[in-house]
PDB file of N, CA and C in Angstrom:
ATOM      1  N   UNK A   1      58.715  41.481 192.256  1.00  0.00           N
ATOM      2  CA  UNK A   1      60.075  42.178 192.301  1.00  0.00           C
ATOM      3  C   UNK A   1      60.665  41.391 193.504  1.00  0.00           C
ATOM      4  N   UNK A   2      61.884  41.225 193.642  1.00  0.00           N
ATOM      5  CA  UNK A   2      62.799  40.507 194.442  1.00  0.00           C
ATOM      6  C   UNK A   2      62.348  41.209 195.682  1.00  0.00           C
ATOM      7  N   UNK A   3      62.342  40.813 197.260  1.00  0.00           N
ATOM      8  CA  UNK A   3      63.051  40.896 198.087  1.00  0.00           C
ATOM      9  C   UNK A   3      63.999  41.531 198.213  1.00  0.00           C
ATOM     10  N   UNK A   4      64.422  42.845 199.386  1.00  0.00           N
ATOM     11  CA  UNK A   4      65.663  43.523 199.472  1.00  0.00           C
ATOM     12  C   UNK A   4      66.365  43.582 200.365  1.00  0.00           C
ATOM     13  N   UNK A   5      66.073  42.021 201.116  1.00  0.00           N
ATOM     14  CA  UNK A   5      66.114  41.726 202.630  1.00  0.00           C
ATOM     15  C   UNK A   5      68.246  41.378 202.049  1.00  0.00           C
ATOM     16  N   UNK A   6      68.638  41.098 201.249  1.00  0.00           N
ATOM     17  CA  UNK A   6      70.156  40.588 201.054  1.00  0.00           C
ATOM     18  C   UNK A   6      70.851  41.797 200.494  1.00  0.00           C
ATOM     19  N   UNK A   7      70.095  43.223 200.047  1.00  0.00           N
ATOM     20  CA  UNK A   7      70.924  44.285 199.653  1.00  0.00           C
ATOM     21  C   UNK A   7      72.358  44.736 200.743  1.00  0.00           C
ATOM     22  N   UNK A   8      71.982  44.725 201.917  1.00  0.00           N
ATOM     23  CA  UNK A   8      72.704  45.119 202.499  1.00  0.00           C
ATOM     24  C   UNK A   8      73.566  43.995 203.182  1.00  0.00           C
ATOM     25  N   UNK A   9      73.923  42.781 202.470  1.00  0.00           N
ATOM     26  CA  UNK A   9      74.681  41.732 203.334  1.00  0.00           C
ATOM     27  C   UNK A   9      76.162  42.081 203.385  1.00  0.00           C
ATOM     28  N   UNK A  10      76.695  42.596 202.438  1.00  0.00           N
ATOM     29  CA  UNK A  10      78.016  43.204 202.835  1.00  0.00           C
ATOM     30  C   UNK A  10      78.301  43.970 204.243  1.00  0.00           C
ATOM     31  N   UNK A  11      77.281  44.775 204.650  1.00  0.00           N
ATOM     32  CA  UNK A  11      77.550  45.637 205.622  1.00  0.00           C
ATOM     33  C   UNK A  11      77.148  44.123 206.868  1.00  0.00           C
ATOM     34  N   UNK A  12      76.523  43.940 206.670  1.00  0.00           N
ATOM     35  CA  UNK A  12      76.015  42.785 207.912  1.00  0.00           C
ATOM     36  C   UNK A  12      77.593  41.923 208.401  1.00  0.00           C
ATOM     37  N   UNK A  13      78.149  41.317 207.107  1.00  0.00           N
ATOM     38  CA  UNK A  13      79.137  40.739 207.130  1.00  0.00           C
ATOM     39  C   UNK A  13      80.644  41.443 207.574  1.00  0.00           C
ATOM     40  N   UNK A  14      80.669  42.782 207.346  1.00  0.00           N
ATOM     41  CA  UNK A  14      81.224  43.552 208.150  1.00  0.00           C
ATOM     42  C   UNK A  14      80.993  43.526 209.246  1.00  0.00           C
ATOM     43  N   UNK A  15      79.709  43.785 209.711  1.00  0.00           N
ATOM     44  CA  UNK A  15      79.493  44.137 211.273  1.00  0.00           C
ATOM     45  C   UNK A  15      79.738  42.984 212.208  1.00  0.00           C
ATOM     46  N   UNK A  16      79.736  41.407 211.024  1.00  0.00           N
ATOM     47  CA  UNK A  16      79.575  40.110 212.335  1.00  0.00           C
ATOM     48  C   UNK A  16      81.222  40.324 212.264  1.00  0.00           C
ATOM     49  N   UNK A  17      81.517  40.739 211.593  1.00  0.00           N
ATOM     50  CA  UNK A  17      83.287  40.038 211.443  1.00  0.00           C
ATOM     51  C   UNK A  17      84.061  41.374 212.659  1.00  0.00           C
ATOM     52  N   UNK A  18      83.244  42.625 212.636  1.00  0.00           N
ATOM     53  CA  UNK A  18      83.705  43.462 213.373  1.00  0.00           C
ATOM     54  C   UNK A  18      83.824  42.670 214.664  1.00  0.00           C
ATOM     55  N   UNK A  19      82.435  42.589 214.809  1.00  0.00           N
ATOM     56  CA  UNK A  19      82.326  42.132 216.621  1.00  0.00           C
ATOM     57  C   UNK A  19      82.874  41.248 216.773  1.00  0.00           C
ATOM     58  N   UNK A  20      83.333  39.875 215.816  1.00  0.00           N
ATOM     59  CA  UNK A  20      83.803  38.785 216.034  1.00  0.00           C
ATOM     60  C   UNK A  20      85.222  39.138 216.518  1.00  0.00           C
ATOM     61  N   UNK A  21      86.075  40.132 215.947  1.00  0.00           N
ATOM     62  CA  UNK A  21      87.165  40.300 216.183  1.00  0.00           C
ATOM     63  C   UNK A  21      87.372  41.068 217.967  1.00  0.00           C
ATOM     64  N   UNK A  22      86.594  41.691 218.091  1.00  0.00           N
ATOM     65  CA  UNK A  22      86.141  42.810 219.403  1.00  0.00           C
ATOM     66  C   UNK A  22      85.857  41.242 220.523  1.00  0.00           C
ATOM     67  N   UNK A  23      85.309  40.385 220.084  1.00  0.00           N
ATOM     68  CA  UNK A  23      84.825  39.626 221.247  1.00  0.00           C
ATOM     69  C   UNK A  23      86.546  38.827 221.083  1.00  0.00           C
ATOM     70  N   UNK A  24      86.894  38.526 220.247  1.00  0.00           N
ATOM     71  CA  UNK A  24      88.394  37.500 220.257  1.00  0.00           C
ATOM     72  C   UNK A  24      89.443  38.435 220.852  1.00  0.00           C
ATOM     73  N   UNK A  25      89.387  40.071 221.143  1.00  0.00           N
ATOM     74  CA  UNK A  25      90.302  40.697 221.667  1.00  0.00           C
ATOM     75  C   UNK A  25      89.783  40.541 222.814  1.00  0.00           C
ATOM     76  N   UNK A  26      88.656  40.923 223.428  1.00  0.00           N
ATOM     77  CA  UNK A  26      87.751  40.576 224.669  1.00  0.00           C
ATOM     78  C   UNK A  26      88.569  39.181 225.551  1.00  0.00           C
ATOM     79  N   UNK A  27      88.222  38.195 224.655  1.00  0.00           N
ATOM     80  CA  UNK A  27      88.477  36.938 225.519  1.00  0.00           C
ATOM     81  C   UNK A  27      90.127  36.724 225.526  1.00  0.00           C
ATOM     82  N   UNK A  28      91.005  37.367 224.836  1.00  0.00           N
ATOM     83  CA  UNK A  28      92.457  37.396 224.430  1.00  0.00           C
ATOM     84  C   UNK A  28      92.596  37.961 225.697  1.00  0.00           C
ATOM     85  N   UNK A  29      92.151  39.129 226.250  1.00  0.00           N
ATOM     86  CA  UNK A  29      92.243  39.932 227.233  1.00  0.00           C
ATOM     87  C   UNK A  29      92.185  38.806 228.491  1.00  0.00           C
ATOM     88  N   UNK A  30      90.852  38.516 228.756  1.00  0.00           N
ATOM     89  CA  UNK A  30      90.466  37.731 229.755  1.00  0.00           C
ATOM     90  C   UNK A  30      91.118  36.790 230.031  1.00  0.00           C
ATOM     91  N   UNK A  31      91.677  35.990 229.429  1.00  0.00           N
ATOM     92  CA  UNK A  31      92.688  35.042 229.598  1.00  0.00           C
ATOM     93  C   UNK A  31      93.871  35.301 230.067  1.00  0.00           C
ATOM     94  N   UNK A  32      94.744  36.077 229.242  1.00  0.00           N
ATOM     95  CA  UNK A  32      95.661  37.261 229.446  1.00  0.00           C
ATOM     96  C   UNK A  32      95.710  37.566 231.144  1.00  0.00           C
ATOM     97  N   UNK A  33      94.525  37.827 231.205  1.00  0.00           N
ATOM     98  CA  UNK A  33      94.162  38.273 233.122  1.00  0.00           C
ATOM     99  C   UNK A  33      94.461  37.278 233.949  1.00  0.00           C
ATOM    100  N   UNK A  34      93.992  36.071 233.442  1.00  0.00           N
ATOM    101  CA  UNK A  34      93.516  34.865 234.100  1.00  0.00           C
ATOM    102  C   UNK A  34      95.059  34.442 234.248  1.00  0.00           C
ATOM    103  N   UNK A  35      96.146  34.275 233.466  1.00  0.00           N
ATOM    104  CA  UNK A  35      97.279  33.521 233.320  1.00  0.00           C
ATOM    105  C   UNK A  35      97.827  34.422 234.686  1.00  0.00           C
ATOM    106  N   UNK A  36      97.905  35.846 234.079  1.00  0.00           N
ATOM    107  CA  UNK A  36      98.604  37.130 235.657  1.00  0.00           C
ATOM    108  C   UNK A  36      98.145  36.323 236.818  1.00  0.00           C
ATOM    109  N   UNK A  37      96.674  36.392 237.266  1.00  0.00           N
ATOM    110  CA  UNK A  37      96.333  35.727 238.048  1.00  0.00           C
ATOM    111  C   UNK A  37      97.247  34.411 239.010  1.00  0.00           C
ATOM    112  N   UNK A  38      96.844  33.535 237.887  1.00  0.00           N
ATOM    113  CA  UNK A  38      97.275  31.849 238.419  1.00  0.00           C
ATOM    114  C   UNK A  38      99.137  32.038 238.705  1.00  0.00           C
ATOM    115  N   UNK A  39      99.454  33.178 237.822  1.00  0.00           N
ATOM    116  CA  UNK A  39     101.086  32.853 238.335  1.00  0.00           C
ATOM    117  C   UNK A  39     101.515  33.613 239.663  1.00  0.00           C
ATOM    118  N   UNK A  40     100.636  34.932 239.614  1.00  0.00           N
ATOM    119  CA  UNK A  40     100.195  35.781 241.236  1.00  0.00           C
ATOM    120  C   UNK A  40     100.240  34.066 242.016  1.00  0.00           C
ATOM    121  N   UNK A  41      99.186  33.220 242.272  1.00  0.00           N
ATOM    122  CA  UNK A  41      98.829  32.419 243.205  1.00  0.00           C
ATOM    123  C   UNK A  41      99.933  31.612 243.169  1.00  0.00           C
ATOM    124  N   UNK A  42     100.455  31.166 242.121  1.00  0.00           N
ATOM    125  CA  UNK A  42     101.507  29.920 242.199  1.00  0.00           C
ATOM    126  C   UNK A  42     101.988  30.416 242.719  1.00  0.00           C
ATOM    127  N   UNK A  43     102.797  31.991 242.421  1.00  0.00           N
ATOM    128  CA  UNK A  43     103.807  32.180 243.205  1.00  0.00           C
ATOM    129  C   UNK A  43     103.692  32.254 244.606  1.00  0.00           C
ATOM    130  N   UNK A  44     102.811  32.838 245.643  1.00  0.00           N
ATOM    131  CA  UNK A  44     102.727  32.946 246.764  1.00  0.00           C
ATOM    132  C   UNK A  44     102.420  31.737 247.073  1.00  0.00           C
ATOM    133  N   UNK A  45     102.065  30.669 246.817  1.00  0.00           N
ATOM    134  CA  UNK A  45     102.064  29.170 246.948  1.00  0.00           C
ATOM    135  C   UNK A  45     103.194  28.750 247.103  1.00  0.00           C
ATOM    136  N   UNK A  46     104.387  28.682 246.224  1.00  0.00           N
ATOM    137  CA  UNK A  46     105.370  28.469 246.285  1.00  0.00           C
ATOM    138  C   UNK A  46     106.466  29.162 247.408  1.00  0.00           C
ATOM    139  N   UNK A  47     106.236  30.602 247.191  1.00  0.00           N
ATOM    140  CA  UNK A  47     107.177  31.019 248.265  1.00  0.00           C
ATOM    141  C   UNK A  47     106.643  30.870 249.686  1.00  0.00           C
ATOM    142  N   UNK A  48     105.449  30.433 250.233  1.00  0.00           N
ATOM    143  CA  UNK A  48     104.743  29.803 251.121  1.00  0.00           C
ATOM    144  C   UNK A  48     105.348  28.661 251.459  1.00  0.00           C
ATOM    145  N   UNK A  49     105.935  27.724 250.805  1.00  0.00           N
ATOM    146  CA  UNK A  49     106.478  26.348 250.355  1.00  0.00           C
ATOM    147  C   UNK A  49     107.977  26.923 250.847  1.00  0.00           C
ATOM    148  N   UNK A  50     108.187  27.626 250.393  1.00  0.00           N
ATOM    149  CA  UNK A  50     109.804  27.531 250.379  1.00  0.00           C
ATOM    150  C   UNK A  50     110.206  28.614 251.947  1.00  0.00           C
ATOM    151  N   UNK A  51     109.577  29.147 252.327  1.00  0.00           N
ATOM    152  CA  UNK A  51     109.462  29.973 253.707  1.00  0.00           C
ATOM    153  C   UNK A  51     109.323  29.688 254.725  1.00  0.00           C
ATOM    154  N   UNK A  52     108.227  28.287 254.859  1.00  0.00           N
ATOM    155  CA  UNK A  52     107.904  27.235 255.963  1.00  0.00           C
ATOM    156  C   UNK A  52     109.063  27.125 256.709  1.00  0.00           C
ATOM    157  N   UNK A  53     108.863  27.044 258.104  1.00  0.00           N
ATOM    158  CA  UNK A  53     109.861  26.423 258.826  1.00  0.00           C
ATOM    159  C   UNK A  53     110.352  25.467 258.586  1.00  0.00           C
ATOM    160  N   UNK A  54     111.858  24.608 258.764  1.00  0.00           N
ATOM    161  CA  UNK A  54     111.755  23.087 258.482  1.00  0.00           C
ATOM    162  C   UNK A  54     111.903  22.440 260.299  1.00  0.00           C
ATOM    163  N   UNK A  55     111.948  21.355 259.923  1.00  0.00           N
ATOM    164  CA  UNK A  55     111.686  20.238 261.026  1.00  0.00           C
ATOM    165  C   UNK A  55     113.104  19.901 261.487  1.00  0.00           C
ATOM    166  N   UNK A  56     113.001  20.271 262.733  1.00  0.00           N
ATOM    167  CA  UNK A  56     114.602  19.886 263.578  1.00  0.00           C
ATOM    168  C   UNK A  56     114.764  18.098 263.349  1.00  0.00           C
ATOM    169  N   UNK A  57     115.956  18.199 262.618  1.00  0.00           N
ATOM    170  CA  UNK A  57     115.955  16.549 262.596  1.00  0.00           C
ATOM    171  C   UNK A  57     116.903  16.307 263.949  1.00  0.00           C
ATOM    172  N   UNK A  58     117.383  17.333 264.730  1.00  0.00           N
ATOM    173  CA  UNK A  58     118.647  16.654 265.670  1.00  0.00           C
ATOM    174  C   UNK A  58     117.641  16.157 267.204  1.00  0.00           C
TER     175      UNK A  58
END
């Protein structure tokens, strides 16, 4: 008699695909959050440069 180890293979593949999709969504959200943080930091840095008092040339 053959072992029944691979009888539920489609279920395992579906679970793996669902897990992969959830992981992909999680990473996409993480990278989106990182982009937002990076834009905020760069904007603050640029504003700090633009608002810096100019040196007097007179």
